[in-house]
């Protein structure tokens, strides 16, 4: 679980400024892509499908920030998140199924709110939504999973 704490600490430091820049700088096409990806989430979707879409969603926001160096660094963080064997085992463990389902359900709603704020160009709300999303997922992973 210490790895998850470090990962989310790093995500907060990188992702919140990326969200702010994306809300301020995203092209119309990027805003549309972010909304389209967010619309594909469903509260009852299989974990593997959710994780693939989750990575795509967060990568789309990163690309929309307009800073290729931030995108590169953030891509490495996402890579660690989505290729962590320990995290994958926690998410896949049958003992955690109900809690993982809850994380997926909450994330589906949070992604929609974040996408709407970025699409509107509302950087303040987008950062607030991003902060709430990261805190919720981190708490779910650290506090509620076995």
Foldseek 3Di string as FASTA:
>chain_A
DVVLVVLLVVCLVQQLVLLLLLLQQADLVLLVVLLVLLVPQDLPDDPVVLLVSVLVNSLSSNVSSVDVVSSVVVVVSSVCVSPPPVLVCQLPDPVCPVLNSVLSNVLSVLSNQLSVCSSNSPSVSNSVSVVVNSVVNSCSSPVPTD
